[in-house]
Amino acid sequence: QVQLVESGGGLVQAGGSLRLSCAASGGTFILYAMYWFRQAPGKEREFVTAVRWPTNTYYADSVKGRFTISRDNAKNTVYLQMTSLKPEDTAVYFCAAKLGGTEYDRDGMDYWGKGTLVTVSS
């Protein structure tokens, strides 16, 4: 059983930056593709970005060039560096893991974290 715990959310002004972390435990981290999804108030959850070992990544068009995903296999942690934040980035951000997944997968996640709230003020 893999457990995922997100952290790093908070309130930031538009144009600012924030780094989210997702710490994984209970599994062989390197075997999992890791994902970030987000869910804004009143909207469906949407894909943000993914990373598969070693460095395969993929980004939603809405965050491309502003967000960067990375993973530290030694720390069993995946990060989401967010820059040039916009009010429309306001959402609960969820970390997910999929055993043997690819950076193109959007469903079939094996594990989810509980999320961390990011609020971007205008």
C-alpha atoms as a PDB file:
ATOM      1  CA  GLN A   1       0.000   0.000   0.000  1.00  0.00           C
ATOM      2  CA  VAL A   2       1.455   3.310  -1.096  1.00  0.00           C
ATOM      3  CA  GLN A   3       0.662   6.454   0.814  1.00  0.00           C
ATOM      4  CA  LEU A   4       0.970   9.881  -0.715  1.00  0.00           C
ATOM      5  CA  VAL A   5       1.102  13.081   1.297  1.00  0.00           C
ATOM      6  CA  GLU A   6       1.065  16.459  -0.394  1.00  0.00           C
ATOM      7  CA  SER A   7       2.377  19.663   1.134  1.00  0.00           C
ATOM      8  CA  GLY A   8       3.335  23.178   0.145  1.00  0.00           C
ATOM      9  CA  GLY A   9      -0.013  24.648  -0.732  1.00  0.00           C
ATOM     10  CA  GLY A  10      -1.058  28.097   0.387  1.00  0.00           C
ATOM     11  CA  LEU A  11      -2.080  31.589  -0.618  1.00  0.00           C
ATOM     12  CA  VAL A  12       0.003  33.430  -3.196  1.00  0.00           C
ATOM     13  CA  GLN A  13      -0.477  36.529  -5.305  1.00  0.00           C
ATOM     14  CA  ALA A  14      -0.844  36.331  -9.048  1.00  0.00           C
ATOM     15  CA  GLY A  15       2.552  36.175 -10.677  1.00  0.00           C
ATOM     16  CA  GLY A  16       4.054  34.448  -7.681  1.00  0.00           C
ATOM     17  CA  SER A  17       5.550  31.008  -7.242  1.00  0.00           C
ATOM     18  CA  LEU A  18       4.917  27.991  -5.084  1.00  0.00           C
ATOM     19  CA  ARG A  19       6.444  24.549  -4.802  1.00  0.00           C
ATOM     20  CA  LEU A  20       4.348  21.536  -3.931  1.00  0.00           C
ATOM     21  CA  SER A  21       5.765  18.292  -2.628  1.00  0.00           C
ATOM     22  CA  CYS A  22       4.348  14.800  -2.583  1.00  0.00           C
ATOM     23  CA  ALA A  23       6.059  12.314  -0.295  1.00  0.00           C
ATOM     24  CA  ALA A  24       5.462   8.644  -1.043  1.00  0.00           C
ATOM     25  CA  SER A  25       5.856   5.723   1.304  1.00  0.00           C
ATOM     26  CA  GLY A  26       5.146   2.025   1.271  1.00  0.00           C
ATOM     27  CA  GLY A  27       6.186   1.109  -2.242  1.00  0.00           C
ATOM     28  CA  THR A  28       9.042   0.970  -4.701  1.00  0.00           C
ATOM     29  CA  PHE A  29       8.876   4.563  -5.795  1.00  0.00           C
ATOM     30  CA  ILE A  30      10.900   4.233  -8.949  1.00  0.00           C
ATOM     31  CA  LEU A  31       8.354   1.812 -10.435  1.00  0.00           C
ATOM     32  CA  TYR A  32       5.569   4.373 -10.300  1.00  0.00           C
ATOM     33  CA  ALA A  33       4.746   7.132 -12.701  1.00  0.00           C
ATOM     34  CA  MET A  34       3.758  10.161 -10.661  1.00  0.00           C
ATOM     35  CA  TYR A  35       1.089  12.677 -11.507  1.00  0.00           C
ATOM     36  CA  TRP A  36      -0.365  15.969 -10.393  1.00  0.00           C
ATOM     37  CA  PHE A  37      -4.042  16.674 -10.907  1.00  0.00           C
ATOM     38  CA  ARG A  38      -6.073  19.614  -9.689  1.00  0.00           C
ATOM     39  CA  GLN A  39      -9.686  20.371  -8.983  1.00  0.00           C
ATOM     40  CA  ALA A  40     -10.984  23.913  -8.935  1.00  0.00           C
ATOM     41  CA  PRO A  41     -14.185  24.807  -7.076  1.00  0.00           C
ATOM     42  CA  GLY A  42     -17.199  23.602  -9.022  1.00  0.00           C
ATOM     43  CA  LYS A  43     -15.114  21.917 -11.691  1.00  0.00           C
ATOM     44  CA  GLU A  44     -13.988  18.407 -12.481  1.00  0.00           C
ATOM     45  CA  ARG A  45     -10.538  17.201 -11.589  1.00  0.00           C
ATOM     46  CA  GLU A  46      -8.069  17.768 -14.399  1.00  0.00           C
ATOM     47  CA  PHE A  47      -4.631  16.515 -15.316  1.00  0.00           C
ATOM     48  CA  VAL A  48      -1.748  18.903 -14.703  1.00  0.00           C
ATOM     49  CA  THR A  49       1.486  17.023 -15.302  1.00  0.00           C
ATOM     50  CA  ALA A  50       3.222  13.669 -15.017  1.00  0.00           C
ATOM     51  CA  VAL A  51       6.698  12.232 -14.697  1.00  0.00           C
ATOM     52  CA  ARG A  52       7.981   8.750 -15.399  1.00  0.00           C
ATOM     53  CA  TRP A  53      11.468   7.584 -14.509  1.00  0.00           C
ATOM     54  CA  PRO A  54      13.959   8.673 -15.524  1.00  0.00           C
ATOM     55  CA  THR A  55      12.889  12.050 -16.901  1.00  0.00           C
ATOM     56  CA  ASN A  56       9.868  11.578 -19.130  1.00  0.00           C
ATOM     57  CA  THR A  57       7.407  14.373 -18.473  1.00  0.00           C
ATOM     58  CA  TYR A  58       4.192  15.733 -19.922  1.00  0.00           C
ATOM     59  CA  TYR A  59       2.241  18.906 -19.206  1.00  0.00           C
ATOM     60  CA  ALA A  60      -1.245  20.171 -19.771  1.00  0.00           C
ATOM     61  CA  ASP A  61      -1.252  23.078 -22.196  1.00  0.00           C
ATOM     62  CA  SER A  62      -2.597  25.371 -19.495  1.00  0.00           C
ATOM     63  CA  VAL A  63       0.557  25.031 -17.386  1.00  0.00           C
ATOM     64  CA  LYS A  64       3.233  24.377 -19.988  1.00  0.00           C
ATOM     65  CA  GLY A  65       6.140  26.758 -19.559  1.00  0.00           C
ATOM     66  CA  ARG A  66       5.022  27.765 -16.058  1.00  0.00           C
ATOM     67  CA  PHE A  67       5.018  24.532 -14.075  1.00  0.00           C
ATOM     68  CA  THR A  68       7.812  22.004 -13.705  1.00  0.00           C
ATOM     69  CA  ILE A  69       7.503  18.493 -12.339  1.00  0.00           C
ATOM     70  CA  SER A  70      10.475  16.649 -10.933  1.00  0.00           C
ATOM     71  CA  ARG A  71      11.127  13.624  -8.792  1.00  0.00           C
ATOM     72  CA  ASP A  72      13.773  12.679  -6.282  1.00  0.00           C
ATOM     73  CA  ASN A  73      13.869   8.911  -6.143  1.00  0.00           C
ATOM     74  CA  ALA A  74      16.254   8.948  -3.198  1.00  0.00           C
ATOM     75  CA  LYS A  75      13.669  10.868  -1.172  1.00  0.00           C
ATOM     76  CA  ASN A  76      10.601   9.166  -2.662  1.00  0.00           C
ATOM     77  CA  THR A  77       9.240  12.601  -3.429  1.00  0.00           C
ATOM     78  CA  VAL A  78       7.779  14.330  -6.447  1.00  0.00           C
ATOM     79  CA  TYR A  79       7.693  18.098  -6.740  1.00  0.00           C
ATOM     80  CA  LEU A  80       5.635  20.604  -8.630  1.00  0.00           C
ATOM     81  CA  GLN A  81       7.313  23.963  -9.093  1.00  0.00           C
ATOM     82  CA  MET A  82       4.697  26.524 -10.075  1.00  0.00           C
ATOM     83  CA  THR A  83       5.642  29.941 -11.386  1.00  0.00           C
ATOM     84  CA  SER A  84       3.753  32.854 -12.933  1.00  0.00           C
ATOM     85  CA  LEU A  85       0.681  31.709 -11.071  1.00  0.00           C
ATOM     86  CA  LYS A  86      -2.711  32.908 -12.203  1.00  0.00           C
ATOM     87  CA  PRO A  87      -6.024  33.101 -10.335  1.00  0.00           C
ATOM     88  CA  GLU A  88      -7.292  30.286 -12.560  1.00  0.00           C
ATOM     89  CA  ASP A  89      -4.634  28.025 -11.049  1.00  0.00           C
ATOM     90  CA  THR A  90      -6.570  28.127  -7.791  1.00  0.00           C
ATOM     91  CA  ALA A  91      -7.481  24.538  -6.942  1.00  0.00           C
ATOM     92  CA  VAL A  92      -6.855  21.603  -4.702  1.00  0.00           C
ATOM     93  CA  TYR A  93      -3.794  19.852  -6.094  1.00  0.00           C
ATOM     94  CA  PHE A  94      -3.626  16.085  -5.843  1.00  0.00           C
ATOM     95  CA  CYS A  95      -0.699  13.767  -6.233  1.00  0.00           C
ATOM     96  CA  ALA A  96      -1.283  10.341  -7.784  1.00  0.00           C
ATOM     97  CA  ALA A  97       0.787   7.262  -8.540  1.00  0.00           C
ATOM     98  CA  LYS A  98       0.388   4.536 -11.127  1.00  0.00           C
ATOM     99  CA  LEU A  99       2.471   1.387 -11.137  1.00  0.00           C
ATOM    100  CA  GLY A 100       4.132   1.055 -14.509  1.00  0.00           C
ATOM    101  CA  GLY A 101       2.282   4.061 -15.847  1.00  0.00           C
ATOM    102  CA  THR A 102       3.382   6.455 -18.544  1.00  0.00           C
ATOM    103  CA  GLU A 103       3.434  10.204 -18.647  1.00  0.00           C
ATOM    104  CA  TYR A 104       0.449  10.073 -21.039  1.00  0.00           C
ATOM    105  CA  ASP A 105      -1.910   8.206 -18.723  1.00  0.00           C
ATOM    106  CA  ARG A 106      -4.882  10.101 -17.362  1.00  0.00           C
ATOM    107  CA  ASP A 107      -6.790   7.367 -15.570  1.00  0.00           C
ATOM    108  CA  GLY A 108      -6.251   4.119 -13.725  1.00  0.00           C
ATOM    109  CA  MET A 109      -4.304   5.709 -10.900  1.00  0.00           C
ATOM    110  CA  ASP A 110      -3.416   3.258  -8.174  1.00  0.00           C
ATOM    111  CA  TYR A 111      -3.047   5.743  -5.325  1.00  0.00           C
ATOM    112  CA  TRP A 112      -4.093   9.278  -4.514  1.00  0.00           C
ATOM    113  CA  GLY A 113      -3.101  11.789  -1.923  1.00  0.00           C
ATOM    114  CA  LYS A 114      -5.635  13.893  -0.061  1.00  0.00           C
ATOM    115  CA  GLY A 115      -4.636  17.109  -1.764  1.00  0.00           C
ATOM    116  CA  THR A 116      -3.266  20.496  -0.884  1.00  0.00           C
ATOM    117  CA  LEU A 117      -5.039  23.779  -1.541  1.00  0.00           C
ATOM    118  CA  VAL A 118      -3.456  26.453  -3.701  1.00  0.00           C
ATOM    119  CA  THR A 119      -5.143  29.838  -3.782  1.00  0.00           C
ATOM    120  CA  VAL A 120      -3.934  32.521  -6.167  1.00  0.00           C
ATOM    121  CA  SER A 121      -5.234  36.014  -5.478  1.00  0.00           C
ATOM    122  CA  SER A 122      -5.544  38.640  -8.181  1.00  0.00           C
END
